[in-house]
Amino acid sequence: MSRHVADRRKPDEGGRLKNFVRVEKISGEEGSHPATRALHERPAERTDSARLREFARIDRGHTA
């Protein structure tokens, strides 16, 4: 027994990829302000106390 016609998906047309490429062309690396680019490229800084606080939270059983 095969599926009903309504239960079959149409082939993906790549809509997400098309929109992603469009956004990148409009506001991609070339169009970004240098300050914005610098903020995205800098490494994330975490202190040891923040890391310890997260481990303690997980150890206590708090997941959210």
PDB file of N, CA and C in Angstrom:
ATOM      1  N   MET A   1       0.850  -1.167   0.000  1.00  0.00           N
ATOM      2  CA  MET A   1       0.000   0.000   0.000  1.00  0.00           C
ATOM      3  C   MET A   1       0.901   1.236   0.000  1.00  0.00           C
ATOM      4  N   SER A   2       0.645   2.149  -0.880  1.00  0.00           N
ATOM      5  CA  SER A   2       1.480   3.350  -0.976  1.00  0.00           C
ATOM      6  C   SER A   2       0.829   4.517  -0.250  1.00  0.00           C
ATOM      7  N   ARG A   3       1.613   5.567  -0.088  1.00  0.00           N
ATOM      8  CA  ARG A   3       1.105   6.751   0.595  1.00  0.00           C
ATOM      9  C   ARG A   3       0.123   7.521  -0.273  1.00  0.00           C
ATOM     10  N   HIS A   4      -0.696   8.312   0.405  1.00  0.00           N
ATOM     11  CA  HIS A   4      -1.639   9.163  -0.288  1.00  0.00           C
ATOM     12  C   HIS A   4      -0.871  10.288  -0.971  1.00  0.00           C
ATOM     13  N   VAL A   5      -1.421  10.843  -2.011  1.00  0.00           N
ATOM     14  CA  VAL A   5      -0.772  11.910  -2.769  1.00  0.00           C
ATOM     15  C   VAL A   5      -0.445  13.103  -1.875  1.00  0.00           C
ATOM     16  N   ALA A   6      -1.306  13.410  -0.923  1.00  0.00           N
ATOM     17  CA  ALA A   6      -1.089  14.552  -0.038  1.00  0.00           C
ATOM     18  C   ALA A   6       0.037  14.300   0.964  1.00  0.00           C
ATOM     19  N   ASP A   7       0.408  13.033   1.181  1.00  0.00           N
ATOM     20  CA  ASP A   7       1.450  12.700   2.145  1.00  0.00           C
ATOM     21  C   ASP A   7       2.847  12.720   1.533  1.00  0.00           C
ATOM     22  N   ARG A   8       2.960  12.974   0.267  1.00  0.00           N
ATOM     23  CA  ARG A   8       4.268  13.000  -0.389  1.00  0.00           C
ATOM     24  C   ARG A   8       4.781  14.426  -0.477  1.00  0.00           C
ATOM     25  N   ARG A   9       6.033  14.608  -0.126  1.00  0.00           N
ATOM     26  CA  ARG A   9       6.640  15.933  -0.191  1.00  0.00           C
ATOM     27  C   ARG A   9       7.152  16.224  -1.591  1.00  0.00           C
ATOM     28  N   LYS A  10       7.064  17.499  -1.950  1.00  0.00           N
ATOM     29  CA  LYS A  10       7.640  17.907  -3.223  1.00  0.00           C
ATOM     30  C   LYS A  10       9.147  18.019  -3.042  1.00  0.00           C
ATOM     31  N   PRO A  11       9.913  17.881  -4.087  1.00  0.00           N
ATOM     32  CA  PRO A  11      11.361  18.052  -3.968  1.00  0.00           C
ATOM     33  C   PRO A  11      11.697  19.471  -3.509  1.00  0.00           C
ATOM     34  N   ASP A  12      12.720  19.580  -2.688  1.00  0.00           N
ATOM     35  CA  ASP A  12      13.137  20.865  -2.152  1.00  0.00           C
ATOM     36  C   ASP A  12      13.706  21.728  -3.270  1.00  0.00           C
ATOM     37  N   GLU A  13      13.304  22.991  -3.274  1.00  0.00           N
ATOM     38  CA  GLU A  13      13.769  23.909  -4.308  1.00  0.00           C
ATOM     39  C   GLU A  13      14.920  24.782  -3.821  1.00  0.00           C
ATOM     40  N   GLY A  14      15.427  24.532  -2.627  1.00  0.00           N
ATOM     41  CA  GLY A  14      16.549  25.300  -2.115  1.00  0.00           C
ATOM     42  C   GLY A  14      16.194  26.707  -1.700  1.00  0.00           C
ATOM     43  N   GLY A  15      15.009  26.919  -1.169  1.00  0.00           N
ATOM     44  CA  GLY A  15      14.569  28.250  -0.770  1.00  0.00           C
ATOM     45  C   GLY A  15      15.420  28.861   0.321  1.00  0.00           C
ATOM     46  N   ARG A  16      15.820  28.056   1.300  1.00  0.00           N
ATOM     47  CA  ARG A  16      16.649  28.582   2.381  1.00  0.00           C
ATOM     48  C   ARG A  16      18.005  29.022   1.845  1.00  0.00           C
ATOM     49  N   LEU A  17      18.577  28.221   0.974  1.00  0.00           N
ATOM     50  CA  LEU A  17      19.878  28.566   0.418  1.00  0.00           C
ATOM     51  C   LEU A  17      19.793  29.821  -0.434  1.00  0.00           C
ATOM     52  N   LYS A  18      18.744  29.942  -1.223  1.00  0.00           N
ATOM     53  CA  LYS A  18      18.574  31.142  -2.048  1.00  0.00           C
ATOM     54  C   LYS A  18      18.500  32.391  -1.197  1.00  0.00           C
ATOM     55  N   ASN A  19      17.720  32.329  -0.108  1.00  0.00           N
ATOM     56  CA  ASN A  19      17.597  33.489   0.770  1.00  0.00           C
ATOM     57  C   ASN A  19      18.901  33.785   1.488  1.00  0.00           C
ATOM     58  N   PHE A  20      19.627  32.763   1.895  1.00  0.00           N
ATOM     59  CA  PHE A  20      20.905  32.970   2.555  1.00  0.00           C
ATOM     60  C   PHE A  20      21.888  33.663   1.622  1.00  0.00           C
ATOM     61  N   VAL A  21      21.957  33.221   0.380  1.00  0.00           N
ATOM     62  CA  VAL A  21      22.858  33.820  -0.596  1.00  0.00           C
ATOM     63  C   VAL A  21      22.458  35.269  -0.876  1.00  0.00           C
ATOM     64  N   ARG A  22      21.167  35.537  -0.935  1.00  0.00           N
ATOM     65  CA  ARG A  22      20.697  36.899  -1.166  1.00  0.00           C
ATOM     66  C   ARG A  22      21.118  37.828  -0.030  1.00  0.00           C
ATOM     67  N   VAL A  23      20.957  37.369   1.187  1.00  0.00           N
ATOM     68  CA  VAL A  23      21.341  38.187   2.343  1.00  0.00           C
ATOM     69  C   VAL A  23      22.844  38.407   2.367  1.00  0.00           C
ATOM     70  N   GLU A  24      23.616  37.386   2.044  1.00  0.00           N
ATOM     71  CA  GLU A  24      25.071  37.523   2.034  1.00  0.00           C
ATOM     72  C   GLU A  24      25.533  38.505   0.962  1.00  0.00           C
ATOM     73  N   LYS A  25      24.853  38.528  -0.160  1.00  0.00           N
ATOM     74  CA  LYS A  25      25.222  39.476  -1.211  1.00  0.00           C
ATOM     75  C   LYS A  25      24.933  40.908  -0.784  1.00  0.00           C
ATOM     76  N   ILE A  26      23.825  41.098  -0.076  1.00  0.00           N
ATOM     77  CA  ILE A  26      23.428  42.437   0.347  1.00  0.00           C
ATOM     78  C   ILE A  26      24.294  42.933   1.500  1.00  0.00           C
ATOM     79  N   SER A  27      24.436  42.126   2.533  1.00  0.00           N
ATOM     80  CA  SER A  27      25.141  42.586   3.730  1.00  0.00           C
ATOM     81  C   SER A  27      26.248  41.622   4.117  1.00  0.00           C
ATOM     82  N   GLY A  28      26.973  41.151   3.166  1.00  0.00           N
ATOM     83  CA  GLY A  28      28.042  40.203   3.433  1.00  0.00           C
ATOM     84  C   GLY A  28      29.286  40.875   3.980  1.00  0.00           C
ATOM     85  N   GLU A  29      30.407  40.206   3.875  1.00  0.00           N
ATOM     86  CA  GLU A  29      31.674  40.676   4.421  1.00  0.00           C
ATOM     87  C   GLU A  29      32.070  42.024   3.842  1.00  0.00           C
ATOM     88  N   GLU A  30      31.807  42.245   2.563  1.00  0.00           N
ATOM     89  CA  GLU A  30      32.204  43.493   1.923  1.00  0.00           C
ATOM     90  C   GLU A  30      31.372  44.668   2.414  1.00  0.00           C
ATOM     91  N   GLY A  31      30.112  44.415   2.746  1.00  0.00           N
ATOM     92  CA  GLY A  31      29.213  45.489   3.118  1.00  0.00           C
ATOM     93  C   GLY A  31      29.178  45.794   4.602  1.00  0.00           C
ATOM     94  N   SER A  32      29.875  45.003   5.408  1.00  0.00           N
ATOM     95  CA  SER A  32      29.833  45.200   6.852  1.00  0.00           C
ATOM     96  C   SER A  32      30.713  46.361   7.276  1.00  0.00           C
ATOM     97  N   HIS A  33      30.304  47.016   8.331  1.00  0.00           N
ATOM     98  CA  HIS A  33      31.095  48.088   8.920  1.00  0.00           C
ATOM     99  C   HIS A  33      32.312  47.460   9.598  1.00  0.00           C
ATOM    100  N   PRO A  34      33.467  48.103   9.537  1.00  0.00           N
ATOM    101  CA  PRO A  34      34.676  47.512  10.153  1.00  0.00           C
ATOM    102  C   PRO A  34      34.511  47.203  11.645  1.00  0.00           C
ATOM    103  N   ALA A  35      33.771  48.023  12.378  1.00  0.00           N
ATOM    104  CA  ALA A  35      33.569  47.760  13.805  1.00  0.00           C
ATOM    105  C   ALA A  35      32.739  46.496  14.015  1.00  0.00           C
ATOM    106  N   THR A  36      31.732  46.299  13.188  1.00  0.00           N
ATOM    107  CA  THR A  36      30.906  45.099  13.291  1.00  0.00           C
ATOM    108  C   THR A  36      31.728  43.865  12.967  1.00  0.00           C
ATOM    109  N   ARG A  37      32.549  43.950  11.942  1.00  0.00           N
ATOM    110  CA  ARG A  37      33.402  42.831  11.558  1.00  0.00           C
ATOM    111  C   ARG A  37      34.375  42.491  12.685  1.00  0.00           C
ATOM    112  N   ALA A  38      34.942  43.514  13.342  1.00  0.00           N
ATOM    113  CA  ALA A  38      35.877  43.287  14.446  1.00  0.00           C
ATOM    114  C   ALA A  38      35.184  42.596  15.623  1.00  0.00           C
ATOM    115  N   LEU A  39      33.946  42.973  15.907  1.00  0.00           N
ATOM    116  CA  LEU A  39      33.210  42.333  16.997  1.00  0.00           C
ATOM    117  C   LEU A  39      32.948  40.859  16.712  1.00  0.00           C
ATOM    118  N   HIS A  40      32.652  40.529  15.477  1.00  0.00           N
ATOM    119  CA  HIS A  40      32.387  39.134  15.120  1.00  0.00           C
ATOM    120  C   HIS A  40      33.650  38.293  15.120  1.00  0.00           C
ATOM    121  N   GLU A  41      34.787  38.898  14.867  1.00  0.00           N
ATOM    122  CA  GLU A  41      36.034  38.147  14.760  1.00  0.00           C
ATOM    123  C   GLU A  41      36.744  37.962  16.092  1.00  0.00           C
ATOM    124  N   ARG A  42      36.413  38.772  17.102  1.00  0.00           N
ATOM    125  CA  ARG A  42      37.127  38.656  18.362  1.00  0.00           C
ATOM    126  C   ARG A  42      36.719  37.381  19.093  1.00  0.00           C
ATOM    127  N   PRO A  43      37.656  36.793  19.826  1.00  0.00           N
ATOM    128  CA  PRO A  43      37.331  35.556  20.550  1.00  0.00           C
ATOM    129  C   PRO A  43      36.424  35.835  21.740  1.00  0.00           C
ATOM    130  N   ALA A  44      35.605  34.872  22.046  1.00  0.00           N
ATOM    131  CA  ALA A  44      34.710  35.002  23.196  1.00  0.00           C
ATOM    132  C   ALA A  44      35.529  34.829  24.463  1.00  0.00           C
ATOM    133  N   GLU A  45      35.377  35.769  25.396  1.00  0.00           N
ATOM    134  CA  GLU A  45      36.133  35.708  26.642  1.00  0.00           C
ATOM    135  C   GLU A  45      35.234  35.198  27.763  1.00  0.00           C
ATOM    136  N   ARG A  46      35.737  34.241  28.490  1.00  0.00           N
ATOM    137  CA  ARG A  46      35.024  33.716  29.647  1.00  0.00           C
ATOM    138  C   ARG A  46      35.979  33.677  30.818  1.00  0.00           C
ATOM    139  N   THR A  47      35.516  34.133  31.929  1.00  0.00           N
ATOM    140  CA  THR A  47      36.335  34.071  33.130  1.00  0.00           C
ATOM    141  C   THR A  47      36.200  32.693  33.754  1.00  0.00           C
ATOM    142  N   ASP A  48      37.166  32.354  34.584  1.00  0.00           N
ATOM    143  CA  ASP A  48      37.110  31.055  35.259  1.00  0.00           C
ATOM    144  C   ASP A  48      35.916  30.969  36.202  1.00  0.00           C
ATOM    145  N   SER A  49      35.540  32.101  36.805  1.00  0.00           N
ATOM    146  CA  SER A  49      34.412  32.072  37.739  1.00  0.00           C
ATOM    147  C   SER A  49      33.102  31.776  36.998  1.00  0.00           C
ATOM    148  N   ALA A  50      32.953  32.317  35.790  1.00  0.00           N
ATOM    149  CA  ALA A  50      31.735  32.038  35.018  1.00  0.00           C
ATOM    150  C   ALA A  50      31.679  30.567  34.630  1.00  0.00           C
ATOM    151  N   ARG A  51      32.822  30.020  34.283  1.00  0.00           N
ATOM    152  CA  ARG A  51      32.872  28.612  33.906  1.00  0.00           C
ATOM    153  C   ARG A  51      32.534  27.728  35.110  1.00  0.00           C
ATOM    154  N   LEU A  52      33.106  28.062  36.281  1.00  0.00           N
ATOM    155  CA  LEU A  52      32.834  27.307  37.493  1.00  0.00           C
ATOM    156  C   LEU A  52      31.361  27.410  37.876  1.00  0.00           C
ATOM    157  N   ARG A  53      30.774  28.605  37.715  1.00  0.00           N
ATOM    158  CA  ARG A  53      29.364  28.801  38.036  1.00  0.00           C
ATOM    159  C   ARG A  53      28.487  27.910  37.152  1.00  0.00           C
ATOM    160  N   GLU A  54      28.823  27.786  35.870  1.00  0.00           N
ATOM    161  CA  GLU A  54      28.039  26.933  34.966  1.00  0.00           C
ATOM    162  C   GLU A  54      28.165  25.463  35.343  1.00  0.00           C
ATOM    163  N   PHE A  55      29.384  25.011  35.673  1.00  0.00           N
ATOM    164  CA  PHE A  55      29.563  23.625  36.088  1.00  0.00           C
ATOM    165  C   PHE A  55      28.788  23.331  37.362  1.00  0.00           C
ATOM    166  N   ALA A  56      28.796  24.274  38.308  1.00  0.00           N
ATOM    167  CA  ALA A  56      28.053  24.078  39.554  1.00  0.00           C
ATOM    168  C   ALA A  56      26.554  24.022  39.290  1.00  0.00           C
ATOM    169  N   ARG A  57      26.074  24.856  38.382  1.00  0.00           N
ATOM    170  CA  ARG A  57      24.655  24.853  38.037  1.00  0.00           C
ATOM    171  C   ARG A  57      24.253  23.495  37.458  1.00  0.00           C
ATOM    172  N   ILE A  58      25.077  22.960  36.579  1.00  0.00           N
ATOM    173  CA  ILE A  58      24.781  21.656  35.964  1.00  0.00           C
ATOM    174  C   ILE A  58      24.831  20.566  37.022  1.00  0.00           C
ATOM    175  N   ASP A  59      25.826  20.652  37.920  1.00  0.00           N
ATOM    176  CA  ASP A  59      25.975  19.649  38.966  1.00  0.00           C
ATOM    177  C   ASP A  59      24.768  19.634  39.898  1.00  0.00           C
ATOM    178  N   ARG A  60      24.178  20.791  40.162  1.00  0.00           N
ATOM    179  CA  ARG A  60      22.988  20.869  41.008  1.00  0.00           C
ATOM    180  C   ARG A  60      21.746  20.340  40.305  1.00  0.00           C
ATOM    181  N   GLY A  61      21.824  20.163  38.991  1.00  0.00           N
ATOM    182  CA  GLY A  61      20.693  19.611  38.261  1.00  0.00           C
ATOM    183  C   GLY A  61      19.856  20.642  37.555  1.00  0.00           C
ATOM    184  N   HIS A  62      20.266  21.905  37.568  1.00  0.00           N
ATOM    185  CA  HIS A  62      19.528  22.938  36.849  1.00  0.00           C
ATOM    186  C   HIS A  62      19.957  22.900  35.382  1.00  0.00           C
ATOM    187  N   THR A  63      19.011  22.613  34.497  1.00  0.00           N
ATOM    188  CA  THR A  63      19.359  22.492  33.087  1.00  0.00           C
ATOM    189  C   THR A  63      18.954  23.718  32.275  1.00  0.00           C
ATOM    190  N   ALA A  64      18.066  24.537  32.789  1.00  0.00           N
ATOM    191  CA  ALA A  64      17.646  25.702  32.017  1.00  0.00           C
ATOM    192  C   ALA A  64      17.786  26.966  32.811  1.00  0.00           C
TER     193      ALA A  64
END
